[in-house]
Amino acid sequence: MKRLFVRILGGCLVACLLGVSTLRAADDDPRQVIETISQRLQQVLEQNRERLKNDTAFLYRLADEIFLPHVDMSRVSSLVLGRSWRKATPAQKDAFILEFKHLLIRTYATAIRELGDWEIRMQAQRPRTVKGRALVQTHVLRPGAQPLAVDYQMHRSKGRWLAYDVKIESISLVTNYRSSFKRLIRQKGIDGLIEELAALNDAKESGQSSRVAASTEYRQEQISPIPD
């Protein structure tokens, strides 16, 4: 069940976060952002499905280069850590964001690889915006499965709509990580949490190139343009 949640959650987030140029064009309507980007994700998966099965560096590159510009990592991190974020030093905040980002990249890379057939049904009306925030409600449809309610929490920052939380059947990404991290912080402090995340990231990448080498590799190669 947890594995299914991570796969679907990652896939829904990726659908939200892909497509740089289209996102900017549709940025006045957060609902249109999600709808347009999900369509572009399906194009990427269809064109690269065989490569996605075997090329881990490509997966990481896809998740990193396209995901990061469209999620507010500082906002997500502050919500995940709660009071511990306010107590953290700037150096601790930067270190946590770095390791948490690597954790999410791996999650999204796995989700991209394992995504099957799906489509998103959007809410009929444009979501109401209150103080620069909006809730975009959707349903994810998959063959042979019940529709899943997926809600995107977004806010407008510097003229763009950015995602900072996703809820699947009322299960929140932020709450899910907050519960796990809170226990670690209580046991080992925020520095201990950062060390645990770093060790986990390094262990997961041990079968591939080192993090630095892989990062250099996937940043050197450009992703093939997604056709409009």
C-alpha atoms as a PDB file:
ATOM      1  CA  MET A   1       0.000   0.000   0.000  1.00  0.00           C
ATOM      2  CA  LYS A   2       2.801   2.400   0.893  1.00  0.00           C
ATOM      3  CA  ARG A   3       4.621   1.542  -2.339  1.00  0.00           C
ATOM      4  CA  LEU A   4       1.440   2.220  -4.333  1.00  0.00           C
ATOM      5  CA  PHE A   5       0.977   5.549  -2.567  1.00  0.00           C
ATOM      6  CA  VAL A   6       4.561   6.614  -3.348  1.00  0.00           C
ATOM      7  CA  ARG A   7       4.256   5.562  -6.996  1.00  0.00           C
ATOM      8  CA  ILE A   8       0.979   7.399  -7.552  1.00  0.00           C
ATOM      9  CA  LEU A   9       2.033  10.387  -5.495  1.00  0.00           C
ATOM     10  CA  GLY A  10       5.271  10.693  -7.392  1.00  0.00           C
ATOM     11  CA  GLY A  11       3.510  10.322 -10.700  1.00  0.00           C
ATOM     12  CA  CYS A  12       0.938  12.960  -9.870  1.00  0.00           C
ATOM     13  CA  LEU A  13       3.639  15.366  -8.727  1.00  0.00           C
ATOM     14  CA  VAL A  14       5.627  14.777 -11.870  1.00  0.00           C
ATOM     15  CA  ALA A  15       2.514  15.453 -13.908  1.00  0.00           C
ATOM     16  CA  CYS A  16       2.190  18.725 -12.073  1.00  0.00           C
ATOM     17  CA  LEU A  17       5.820  19.712 -12.472  1.00  0.00           C
ATOM     18  CA  LEU A  18       6.691  18.927 -16.087  1.00  0.00           C
ATOM     19  CA  GLY A  19       6.696  21.372 -18.985  1.00  0.00           C
ATOM     20  CA  VAL A  20       8.505  24.685 -18.538  1.00  0.00           C
ATOM     21  CA  SER A  21       7.260  26.751 -21.475  1.00  0.00           C
ATOM     22  CA  THR A  22       3.668  25.536 -21.285  1.00  0.00           C
ATOM     23  CA  LEU A  23       3.495  26.209 -17.557  1.00  0.00           C
ATOM     24  CA  ARG A  24       4.449  29.849 -18.084  1.00  0.00           C
ATOM     25  CA  ALA A  25       1.916  30.248 -20.864  1.00  0.00           C
ATOM     26  CA  ALA A  26      -0.950  28.896 -18.742  1.00  0.00           C
ATOM     27  CA  ASP A  27       0.154  30.433 -15.476  1.00  0.00           C
ATOM     28  CA  ASP A  28      -2.913  32.593 -14.830  1.00  0.00           C
ATOM     29  CA  ASP A  29      -5.034  29.521 -14.127  1.00  0.00           C
ATOM     30  CA  PRO A  30      -3.596  26.882 -11.745  1.00  0.00           C
ATOM     31  CA  ARG A  31      -6.074  24.318 -13.053  1.00  0.00           C
ATOM     32  CA  GLN A  32      -4.855  24.847 -16.599  1.00  0.00           C
ATOM     33  CA  VAL A  33      -1.274  24.415 -15.391  1.00  0.00           C
ATOM     34  CA  ILE A  34      -2.044  20.926 -14.063  1.00  0.00           C
ATOM     35  CA  GLU A  35      -4.086  19.907 -17.101  1.00  0.00           C
ATOM     36  CA  THR A  36      -1.555  21.072 -19.677  1.00  0.00           C
ATOM     37  CA  ILE A  37       1.424  19.626 -17.861  1.00  0.00           C
ATOM     38  CA  SER A  38      -0.204  16.222 -17.387  1.00  0.00           C
ATOM     39  CA  GLN A  39      -0.725  16.029 -21.155  1.00  0.00           C
ATOM     40  CA  ARG A  40       2.936  16.814 -21.752  1.00  0.00           C
ATOM     41  CA  LEU A  41       4.002  14.174 -19.257  1.00  0.00           C
ATOM     42  CA  GLN A  42       2.123  11.569 -21.249  1.00  0.00           C
ATOM     43  CA  GLN A  43       4.023  12.662 -24.360  1.00  0.00           C
ATOM     44  CA  VAL A  44       7.364  12.260 -22.571  1.00  0.00           C
ATOM     45  CA  LEU A  45       6.456   8.788 -21.311  1.00  0.00           C
ATOM     46  CA  GLU A  46       5.244   7.629 -24.701  1.00  0.00           C
ATOM     47  CA  GLN A  47       8.363   8.857 -26.521  1.00  0.00           C
ATOM     48  CA  ASN A  48      10.882   7.544 -23.983  1.00  0.00           C
ATOM     49  CA  ARG A  49       9.265   4.482 -22.427  1.00  0.00           C
ATOM     50  CA  GLU A  50      12.022   2.056 -23.427  1.00  0.00           C
ATOM     51  CA  ARG A  51      14.796   4.405 -22.323  1.00  0.00           C
ATOM     52  CA  LEU A  52      13.081   5.009 -19.010  1.00  0.00           C
ATOM     53  CA  LYS A  53      13.304   1.291 -18.210  1.00  0.00           C
ATOM     54  CA  ASN A  54      17.096   1.174 -18.302  1.00  0.00           C
ATOM     55  CA  ASP A  55      18.627   4.643 -18.135  1.00  0.00           C
ATOM     56  CA  THR A  56      18.707   5.749 -14.503  1.00  0.00           C
ATOM     57  CA  ALA A  57      20.792   8.841 -15.263  1.00  0.00           C
ATOM     58  CA  PHE A  58      18.116   9.955 -17.738  1.00  0.00           C
ATOM     59  CA  LEU A  59      15.426   9.404 -15.116  1.00  0.00           C
ATOM     60  CA  TYR A  60      17.284  11.516 -12.570  1.00  0.00           C
ATOM     61  CA  ARG A  61      17.923  14.211 -15.122  1.00  0.00           C
ATOM     62  CA  LEU A  62      14.261  14.266 -16.142  1.00  0.00           C
ATOM     63  CA  ALA A  63      13.117  14.566 -12.534  1.00  0.00           C
ATOM     64  CA  ASP A  64      15.748  17.121 -11.519  1.00  0.00           C
ATOM     65  CA  GLU A  65      15.857  19.531 -14.435  1.00  0.00           C
ATOM     66  CA  ILE A  66      12.103  19.669 -14.978  1.00  0.00           C
ATOM     67  CA  PHE A  67      10.799  19.167 -11.451  1.00  0.00           C
ATOM     68  CA  LEU A  68      12.795  21.733  -9.509  1.00  0.00           C
ATOM     69  CA  PRO A  69      11.641  24.931 -11.240  1.00  0.00           C
ATOM     70  CA  HIS A  70       7.998  24.184 -10.447  1.00  0.00           C
ATOM     71  CA  VAL A  71       7.938  23.252  -6.795  1.00  0.00           C
ATOM     72  CA  ASP A  72       8.613  25.623  -3.940  1.00  0.00           C
ATOM     73  CA  MET A  73      11.263  23.591  -2.117  1.00  0.00           C
ATOM     74  CA  SER A  74      11.682  26.162   0.651  1.00  0.00           C
ATOM     75  CA  ARG A  75       7.943  26.167   1.298  1.00  0.00           C
ATOM     76  CA  VAL A  76       7.704  22.370   1.231  1.00  0.00           C
ATOM     77  CA  SER A  77      10.718  22.035   3.520  1.00  0.00           C
ATOM     78  CA  SER A  78       9.358  24.525   6.030  1.00  0.00           C
ATOM     79  CA  LEU A  79       6.023  22.703   6.165  1.00  0.00           C
ATOM     80  CA  VAL A  80       7.663  19.289   6.480  1.00  0.00           C
ATOM     81  CA  LEU A  81       9.943  20.358   9.346  1.00  0.00           C
ATOM     82  CA  GLY A  82       7.412  22.608  11.107  1.00  0.00           C
ATOM     83  CA  ARG A  83       8.850  24.221  14.240  1.00  0.00           C
ATOM     84  CA  SER A  84      12.221  22.639  13.590  1.00  0.00           C
ATOM     85  CA  TRP A  85      12.511  24.736  10.422  1.00  0.00           C
ATOM     86  CA  ARG A  86      12.163  27.942  12.413  1.00  0.00           C
ATOM     87  CA  LYS A  87      14.869  26.791  14.823  1.00  0.00           C
ATOM     88  CA  ALA A  88      17.269  25.654  12.097  1.00  0.00           C
ATOM     89  CA  THR A  89      20.263  27.730  11.041  1.00  0.00           C
ATOM     90  CA  PRO A  90      20.556  28.892   7.411  1.00  0.00           C
ATOM     91  CA  ALA A  91      23.249  26.263   6.845  1.00  0.00           C
ATOM     92  CA  GLN A  92      20.996  23.516   8.233  1.00  0.00           C
ATOM     93  CA  LYS A  93      18.111  24.684   6.044  1.00  0.00           C
ATOM     94  CA  ASP A  94      20.278  24.587   2.931  1.00  0.00           C
ATOM     95  CA  ALA A  95      21.617  21.138   3.812  1.00  0.00           C
ATOM     96  CA  PHE A  96      18.134  19.770   4.469  1.00  0.00           C
ATOM     97  CA  ILE A  97      16.746  21.158   1.201  1.00  0.00           C
ATOM     98  CA  LEU A  98      19.646  19.561  -0.695  1.00  0.00           C
ATOM     99  CA  GLU A  99      19.134  16.091   0.782  1.00  0.00           C
ATOM    100  CA  PHE A 100      15.333  16.286   0.709  1.00  0.00           C
ATOM    101  CA  LYS A 101      15.539  17.322  -2.938  1.00  0.00           C
ATOM    102  CA  HIS A 102      17.633  14.218  -3.717  1.00  0.00           C
ATOM    103  CA  LEU A 103      15.093  12.069  -1.879  1.00  0.00           C
ATOM    104  CA  LEU A 104      12.229  13.492  -3.932  1.00  0.00           C
ATOM    105  CA  ILE A 105      14.166  13.189  -7.184  1.00  0.00           C
ATOM    106  CA  ARG A 106      14.648   9.472  -6.547  1.00  0.00           C
ATOM    107  CA  THR A 107      10.971   9.104  -5.664  1.00  0.00           C
ATOM    108  CA  TYR A 108       9.893  10.866  -8.849  1.00  0.00           C
ATOM    109  CA  ALA A 109      12.375   8.907 -10.964  1.00  0.00           C
ATOM    110  CA  THR A 110      10.885   5.655  -9.648  1.00  0.00           C
ATOM    111  CA  ALA A 111       7.363   6.953 -10.265  1.00  0.00           C
ATOM    112  CA  ILE A 112       8.184   7.916 -13.854  1.00  0.00           C
ATOM    113  CA  ARG A 113       9.566   4.453 -14.558  1.00  0.00           C
ATOM    114  CA  GLU A 114       6.583   2.635 -13.043  1.00  0.00           C
ATOM    115  CA  LEU A 115       3.755   4.756 -14.377  1.00  0.00           C
ATOM    116  CA  GLY A 116       1.208   2.778 -16.383  1.00  0.00           C
ATOM    117  CA  ASP A 117      -1.734   4.088 -18.356  1.00  0.00           C
ATOM    118  CA  TRP A 118      -3.578   6.947 -16.697  1.00  0.00           C
ATOM    119  CA  GLU A 119      -5.409  10.168 -17.334  1.00  0.00           C
ATOM    120  CA  ILE A 120      -6.431  13.140 -15.215  1.00  0.00           C
ATOM    121  CA  ARG A 121      -9.988  14.420 -14.947  1.00  0.00           C
ATOM    122  CA  MET A 122     -10.012  18.074 -13.950  1.00  0.00           C
ATOM    123  CA  GLN A 123     -12.588  19.874 -11.826  1.00  0.00           C
ATOM    124  CA  ALA A 124     -15.189  21.598 -13.954  1.00  0.00           C
ATOM    125  CA  GLN A 125     -14.678  25.116 -12.657  1.00  0.00           C
ATOM    126  CA  ARG A 126     -11.602  27.255 -12.173  1.00  0.00           C
ATOM    127  CA  PRO A 127     -10.469  26.984  -8.531  1.00  0.00           C
ATOM    128  CA  ARG A 128     -11.034  29.923  -6.250  1.00  0.00           C
ATOM    129  CA  THR A 129      -7.875  31.853  -5.436  1.00  0.00           C
ATOM    130  CA  VAL A 130      -7.543  33.238  -1.908  1.00  0.00           C
ATOM    131  CA  LYS A 131      -4.521  35.364  -1.011  1.00  0.00           C
ATOM    132  CA  GLY A 132      -2.466  33.886  -3.805  1.00  0.00           C
ATOM    133  CA  ARG A 133      -3.311  30.275  -2.958  1.00  0.00           C
ATOM    134  CA  ALA A 134      -5.430  27.739  -4.797  1.00  0.00           C
ATOM    135  CA  LEU A 135      -6.603  24.159  -4.399  1.00  0.00           C
ATOM    136  CA  VAL A 136      -6.748  22.265  -7.701  1.00  0.00           C
ATOM    137  CA  GLN A 137      -8.913  19.160  -7.400  1.00  0.00           C
ATOM    138  CA  THR A 138      -8.560  16.281  -9.859  1.00  0.00           C
ATOM    139  CA  HIS A 139      -9.227  12.589 -10.241  1.00  0.00           C
ATOM    140  CA  VAL A 140      -6.662  10.167 -11.638  1.00  0.00           C
ATOM    141  CA  LEU A 141      -8.223   7.441 -13.786  1.00  0.00           C
ATOM    142  CA  ARG A 142      -6.437   4.107 -14.271  1.00  0.00           C
ATOM    143  CA  PRO A 143      -7.658   0.984 -16.116  1.00  0.00           C
ATOM    144  CA  GLY A 144      -9.325  -1.483 -13.763  1.00  0.00           C
ATOM    145  CA  ALA A 145      -9.003   0.758 -10.697  1.00  0.00           C
ATOM    146  CA  GLN A 146     -11.208   3.166  -8.796  1.00  0.00           C
ATOM    147  CA  PRO A 147     -10.639   6.869  -9.541  1.00  0.00           C
ATOM    148  CA  LEU A 148      -8.261   8.515  -7.089  1.00  0.00           C
ATOM    149  CA  ALA A 149      -8.957  11.993  -5.701  1.00  0.00           C
ATOM    150  CA  VAL A 150      -5.770  14.054  -6.081  1.00  0.00           C
ATOM    151  CA  ASP A 151      -5.648  17.627  -4.780  1.00  0.00           C
ATOM    152  CA  TYR A 152      -2.804  20.026  -5.523  1.00  0.00           C
ATOM    153  CA  GLN A 153      -2.000  22.811  -3.079  1.00  0.00           C
ATOM    154  CA  MET A 154      -0.463  25.682  -5.022  1.00  0.00           C
ATOM    155  CA  HIS A 155       0.504  29.257  -4.387  1.00  0.00           C
ATOM    156  CA  ARG A 156       1.509  32.139  -6.590  1.00  0.00           C
ATOM    157  CA  SER A 157       5.092  33.302  -6.153  1.00  0.00           C
ATOM    158  CA  LYS A 158       6.842  35.842  -8.371  1.00  0.00           C
ATOM    159  CA  GLY A 159       4.116  35.582 -10.972  1.00  0.00           C
ATOM    160  CA  ARG A 160       4.068  31.778 -11.149  1.00  0.00           C
ATOM    161  CA  TRP A 161       1.955  29.018  -9.644  1.00  0.00           C
ATOM    162  CA  LEU A 162       4.133  26.617  -7.630  1.00  0.00           C
ATOM    163  CA  ALA A 163       3.145  23.341  -5.993  1.00  0.00           C
ATOM    164  CA  TYR A 164       3.880  22.856  -2.309  1.00  0.00           C
ATOM    165  CA  ASP A 165       1.720  19.873  -1.363  1.00  0.00           C
ATOM    166  CA  VAL A 166      -0.299  17.077  -2.928  1.00  0.00           C
ATOM    167  CA  LYS A 167      -3.044  15.051  -1.274  1.00  0.00           C
ATOM    168  CA  ILE A 168      -4.131  11.642  -2.580  1.00  0.00           C
ATOM    169  CA  GLU A 169      -7.389  10.487  -1.039  1.00  0.00           C
ATOM    170  CA  SER A 170      -6.668  13.039   1.729  1.00  0.00           C
ATOM    171  CA  ILE A 171      -3.138  11.670   2.355  1.00  0.00           C
ATOM    172  CA  SER A 172      -0.729  14.607   2.270  1.00  0.00           C
ATOM    173  CA  LEU A 173       2.840  14.513   0.991  1.00  0.00           C
ATOM    174  CA  VAL A 174       3.810  17.071   3.628  1.00  0.00           C
ATOM    175  CA  THR A 175       2.103  15.240   6.484  1.00  0.00           C
ATOM    176  CA  ASN A 176       3.516  11.903   5.360  1.00  0.00           C
ATOM    177  CA  TYR A 177       7.109  13.128   5.519  1.00  0.00           C
ATOM    178  CA  ARG A 178       6.548  15.326   8.580  1.00  0.00           C
ATOM    179  CA  SER A 179       5.573  12.346  10.715  1.00  0.00           C
ATOM    180  CA  SER A 180       8.695  10.389   9.756  1.00  0.00           C
ATOM    181  CA  PHE A 181      11.067  13.320  10.087  1.00  0.00           C
ATOM    182  CA  LYS A 182       9.622  14.423  13.418  1.00  0.00           C
ATOM    183  CA  ARG A 183      10.580  11.097  14.999  1.00  0.00           C
ATOM    184  CA  LEU A 184      14.119  11.325  13.657  1.00  0.00           C
ATOM    185  CA  ILE A 185      14.535  14.895  14.832  1.00  0.00           C
ATOM    186  CA  ARG A 186      13.346  13.914  18.303  1.00  0.00           C
ATOM    187  CA  GLN A 187      15.930  11.127  18.419  1.00  0.00           C
ATOM    188  CA  LYS A 188      18.904  12.702  16.648  1.00  0.00           C
ATOM    189  CA  GLY A 189      18.201  16.399  16.095  1.00  0.00           C
ATOM    190  CA  ILE A 190      18.043  18.141  12.751  1.00  0.00           C
ATOM    191  CA  ASP A 191      21.716  17.421  12.007  1.00  0.00           C
ATOM    192  CA  GLY A 192      21.020  13.744  12.613  1.00  0.00           C
ATOM    193  CA  LEU A 193      18.050  13.879  10.221  1.00  0.00           C
ATOM    194  CA  ILE A 194      20.208  15.477   7.528  1.00  0.00           C
ATOM    195  CA  GLU A 195      22.859  12.791   8.026  1.00  0.00           C
ATOM    196  CA  GLU A 196      20.226  10.053   7.792  1.00  0.00           C
ATOM    197  CA  LEU A 197      18.874  11.484   4.536  1.00  0.00           C
ATOM    198  CA  ALA A 198      22.378  11.810   3.104  1.00  0.00           C
ATOM    199  CA  ALA A 199      23.191   8.214   4.028  1.00  0.00           C
ATOM    200  CA  LEU A 200      19.905   6.980   2.539  1.00  0.00           C
ATOM    201  CA  ASN A 201      20.488   8.891  -0.695  1.00  0.00           C
ATOM    202  CA  ASP A 202      24.054   7.614  -0.967  1.00  0.00           C
ATOM    203  CA  ALA A 203      22.972   4.030  -0.270  1.00  0.00           C
ATOM    204  CA  LYS A 204      20.266   4.152  -2.934  1.00  0.00           C
ATOM    205  CA  GLU A 205      22.743   5.495  -5.456  1.00  0.00           C
ATOM    206  CA  SER A 206      25.496   3.013  -4.599  1.00  0.00           C
ATOM    207  CA  GLY A 207      24.597   0.803  -7.561  1.00  0.00           C
ATOM    208  CA  GLN A 208      24.937   3.764  -9.937  1.00  0.00           C
ATOM    209  CA  SER A 209      27.515   6.497 -10.411  1.00  0.00           C
ATOM    210  CA  SER A 210      28.337   8.637  -7.403  1.00  0.00           C
ATOM    211  CA  ARG A 211      25.956  11.519  -6.825  1.00  0.00           C
ATOM    212  CA  VAL A 212      28.477  14.058  -8.123  1.00  0.00           C
ATOM    213  CA  ALA A 213      29.332  12.038 -11.206  1.00  0.00           C
ATOM    214  CA  ALA A 214      25.699  11.302 -12.003  1.00  0.00           C
ATOM    215  CA  SER A 215      24.766  14.944 -11.504  1.00  0.00           C
ATOM    216  CA  THR A 216      27.531  16.043 -13.863  1.00  0.00           C
ATOM    217  CA  GLU A 217      26.451  13.481 -16.438  1.00  0.00           C
ATOM    218  CA  TYR A 218      22.780  14.304 -16.556  1.00  0.00           C
ATOM    219  CA  ARG A 219      23.346  18.041 -16.530  1.00  0.00           C
ATOM    220  CA  GLN A 220      25.695  17.838 -19.511  1.00  0.00           C
ATOM    221  CA  GLU A 221      23.183  16.092 -21.762  1.00  0.00           C
ATOM    222  CA  GLN A 222      20.144  18.095 -22.861  1.00  0.00           C
ATOM    223  CA  ILE A 223      16.735  16.510 -22.715  1.00  0.00           C
ATOM    224  CA  SER A 224      15.177  16.152 -26.156  1.00  0.00           C
ATOM    225  CA  PRO A 225      12.619  18.931 -26.693  1.00  0.00           C
ATOM    226  CA  ILE A 226       9.030  17.958 -26.008  1.00  0.00           C
ATOM    227  CA  PRO A 227       6.932  18.733 -29.106  1.00  0.00           C
ATOM    228  CA  ASP A 228       4.246  21.374 -28.646  1.00  0.00           C
END
